[in-house]
Amino acid sequence: MEDTGEVHLHALRERFEPVVQLHQKRMDKGKVKTQGLSDDDIPQLHQAWQQEFMDIVNGTKEELPPWREVNHEINLIDEDKQYKYHLPCCLRALQEQLHEKTNRYINAKWWEPQLATQAAPLLCIPKKDGMLWTALDAWQCNDNTIKDVTPLPDQE
């Protein structure tokens, strides 16, 4: 039986072999190398792809995008409705990640600390790799909206 590292490398080879061949086609202008990947190829491929796709794999810029005027509003059925939510909690193992994420978003001005009479709870969900995923539990707010089927304007 193979160890977990070997199984992982085998899965990577199977998944990325077609991508590597396509990439080699582009680079060699139609000359496809028929040799397979070895364990030594993976770090070089990773670095090459990291360089090629740097603009989309380096994470999110910690600044707001340029301001654009958008003609869009969300109309509520009952503007005075009070929502009843349970108090959210974050697993102790994820609290440090939540603190870091909150500070990063506040520093980037994506979030602004505000006093409010009510707010939708932020759910702290662990991903398979143990990292934090956050989502707003906005189902009660969504139920109070007038549904608008007009498409959003093109932002480009």
Protein backbone atom coordinates (compact mmCIF):
# COMPACT_ATOMS: atom_id res chain seq x y z
CA MET A 1 0.00 0.00 0.00
CA GLU A 2 1.31 3.44 -0.98
CA ASP A 3 1.81 6.10 1.66
CA THR A 4 -0.30 9.25 1.64
CA GLY A 5 2.43 11.38 0.02
CA GLU A 6 2.79 8.99 -2.91
CA VAL A 7 -0.99 8.81 -3.37
CA HIS A 8 -1.15 12.63 -3.32
CA LEU A 9 1.65 12.94 -5.92
CA HIS A 10 -0.04 10.32 -8.10
CA ALA A 11 -3.33 12.25 -7.91
CA LEU A 12 -1.52 15.48 -8.81
CA ARG A 13 0.13 13.81 -11.79
CA GLU A 14 -3.20 12.42 -13.03
CA ARG A 15 -4.96 15.73 -12.58
CA PHE A 16 -2.32 17.98 -14.11
CA GLU A 17 -0.91 15.75 -16.88
CA PRO A 18 -3.44 17.05 -19.46
CA VAL A 19 -2.78 20.63 -18.32
CA VAL A 20 0.97 20.14 -18.64
CA GLN A 21 0.57 18.66 -22.11
CA LEU A 22 -1.65 21.55 -23.18
CA HIS A 23 0.86 24.02 -21.71
CA GLN A 24 3.71 22.27 -23.55
CA LYS A 25 1.70 22.43 -26.79
CA ARG A 26 1.43 26.18 -26.41
CA MET A 27 5.08 26.60 -25.50
CA ASP A 28 6.48 24.18 -28.10
CA LYS A 29 4.07 25.35 -30.82
CA GLY A 30 2.50 21.96 -31.42
CA LYS A 31 5.41 19.73 -30.34
CA VAL A 32 4.02 17.69 -27.44
CA LYS A 33 6.49 15.83 -25.26
CA THR A 34 5.22 12.35 -24.53
CA GLN A 35 7.15 11.82 -21.31
CA GLY A 36 5.18 11.76 -18.06
CA LEU A 37 5.72 13.83 -14.98
CA SER A 38 8.18 12.87 -12.32
CA ASP A 39 8.19 13.93 -8.69
CA ASP A 40 10.99 16.39 -9.51
CA ASP A 41 8.83 18.18 -12.11
CA ILE A 42 6.13 19.29 -9.69
CA PRO A 43 8.04 22.14 -7.92
CA GLN A 44 9.16 23.61 -11.28
CA LEU A 45 5.64 23.37 -12.70
CA HIS A 46 4.21 24.93 -9.56
CA GLN A 47 6.65 27.84 -9.78
CA ALA A 48 6.03 28.33 -13.54
CA TRP A 49 2.26 28.36 -13.06
CA GLN A 50 2.57 30.65 -10.05
CA GLN A 51 4.49 33.13 -12.24
CA GLU A 52 2.15 32.77 -15.23
CA PHE A 53 -1.03 33.24 -13.20
CA MET A 54 0.35 35.61 -10.55
CA ASP A 55 -2.49 38.10 -11.04
CA ILE A 56 -5.14 35.56 -10.01
CA VAL A 57 -3.40 33.31 -7.45
CA ASN A 58 -1.70 35.82 -5.18
CA GLY A 59 -4.76 36.50 -3.07
CA THR A 60 -6.94 39.53 -2.87
CA LYS A 61 -5.54 43.04 -2.86
CA GLU A 62 -6.08 44.67 0.50
CA GLU A 63 -7.72 47.78 -0.88
CA LEU A 64 -11.12 48.72 -2.19
CA PRO A 65 -11.66 48.61 -5.96
CA PRO A 66 -12.23 51.90 -7.78
CA TRP A 67 -15.58 53.55 -7.01
CA ARG A 68 -18.23 52.94 -9.67
CA GLU A 69 -21.71 54.36 -9.76
CA VAL A 70 -24.22 51.53 -9.75
CA ASN A 71 -27.93 52.02 -10.31
CA HIS A 72 -29.10 49.22 -8.03
CA GLU A 73 -31.10 49.05 -4.84
CA ILE A 74 -32.57 46.37 -2.63
CA ASN A 75 -36.14 47.17 -1.63
CA LEU A 76 -37.57 45.72 1.57
CA ILE A 77 -41.12 44.49 2.11
CA ASP A 78 -41.15 45.76 5.72
CA GLU A 79 -38.42 48.31 6.47
CA ASP A 80 -39.13 48.16 10.23
CA LYS A 81 -38.95 44.39 10.53
CA GLN A 82 -36.93 43.08 13.48
CA TYR A 83 -35.05 39.88 12.79
CA LYS A 84 -34.68 37.13 15.39
CA TYR A 85 -31.31 35.44 15.14
CA HIS A 86 -29.52 33.10 17.48
CA LEU A 87 -26.19 34.33 18.80
CA PRO A 88 -23.37 33.11 16.58
CA CYS A 89 -20.27 31.46 17.94
CA CYS A 90 -16.87 30.73 16.47
CA LEU A 91 -14.94 27.56 17.24
CA ARG A 92 -12.03 28.26 19.55
CA ALA A 93 -9.65 26.77 16.94
CA LEU A 94 -10.83 29.38 14.39
CA GLN A 95 -10.94 32.45 16.64
CA GLU A 96 -7.39 33.59 15.85
CA GLN A 97 -8.07 33.30 12.10
CA LEU A 98 -11.32 35.25 12.55
CA HIS A 99 -9.46 37.99 14.46
CA GLU A 100 -6.80 38.21 11.70
CA LYS A 101 -9.44 38.25 8.94
CA THR A 102 -11.49 40.91 10.73
CA ASN A 103 -8.43 43.15 11.19
CA ARG A 104 -7.38 42.63 7.55
CA TYR A 105 -10.86 43.59 6.28
CA ILE A 106 -11.08 46.63 8.58
CA ASN A 107 -7.60 47.82 7.53
CA ALA A 108 -8.55 47.41 3.86
CA LYS A 109 -11.77 49.35 4.60
CA TRP A 110 -13.93 46.46 3.34
CA TRP A 111 -15.61 46.41 6.75
CA GLU A 112 -16.33 49.34 9.02
CA PRO A 113 -17.09 48.85 12.71
CA GLN A 114 -20.56 50.29 13.38
CA LEU A 115 -23.13 50.26 16.15
CA ALA A 116 -26.37 48.65 15.03
CA THR A 117 -29.62 47.53 16.60
CA GLN A 118 -29.44 44.25 14.70
CA ALA A 119 -27.23 42.48 12.19
CA ALA A 120 -27.09 39.15 10.39
CA PRO A 121 -24.75 36.72 12.14
CA LEU A 122 -21.40 35.87 10.62
CA LEU A 123 -20.98 32.10 10.40
CA CYS A 124 -17.50 30.68 11.03
CA ILE A 125 -17.14 27.47 9.05
CA PRO A 126 -13.99 25.35 8.97
CA LYS A 127 -12.83 24.31 5.50
CA LYS A 128 -11.46 20.80 4.92
CA ASP A 129 -7.90 22.14 5.27
CA GLY A 130 -8.72 23.75 8.65
CA MET A 131 -8.84 27.31 7.31
CA LEU A 132 -11.68 29.67 8.14
CA TRP A 133 -14.58 30.34 5.77
CA THR A 134 -17.04 33.06 6.75
CA ALA A 135 -20.58 33.55 5.47
CA LEU A 136 -23.46 35.79 6.46
CA ASP A 137 -26.64 34.09 7.62
CA ALA A 138 -28.92 36.47 5.72
CA TRP A 139 -31.89 34.19 5.06
CA GLN A 140 -34.28 36.29 7.17
CA CYS A 141 -33.19 39.51 5.42
CA ASN A 142 -33.54 37.83 2.03
CA ASP A 143 -37.10 36.74 2.87
CA ASN A 144 -37.95 40.42 3.50
CA THR A 145 -36.81 41.67 0.07
CA ILE A 146 -38.94 42.52 -2.92
CA LYS A 147 -37.63 40.20 -5.61
CA ASP A 148 -36.30 42.11 -8.62
CA VAL A 149 -35.69 40.07 -11.75
CA THR A 150 -33.98 42.94 -13.60
CA PRO A 151 -30.40 41.92 -14.41
CA LEU A 152 -27.56 43.84 -12.79
CA PRO A 153 -25.77 46.32 -15.06
CA ASP A 154 -22.53 45.27 -16.75
CA GLN A 155 -19.62 46.58 -14.62
CA GLU A 156 -17.06 46.59 -17.41
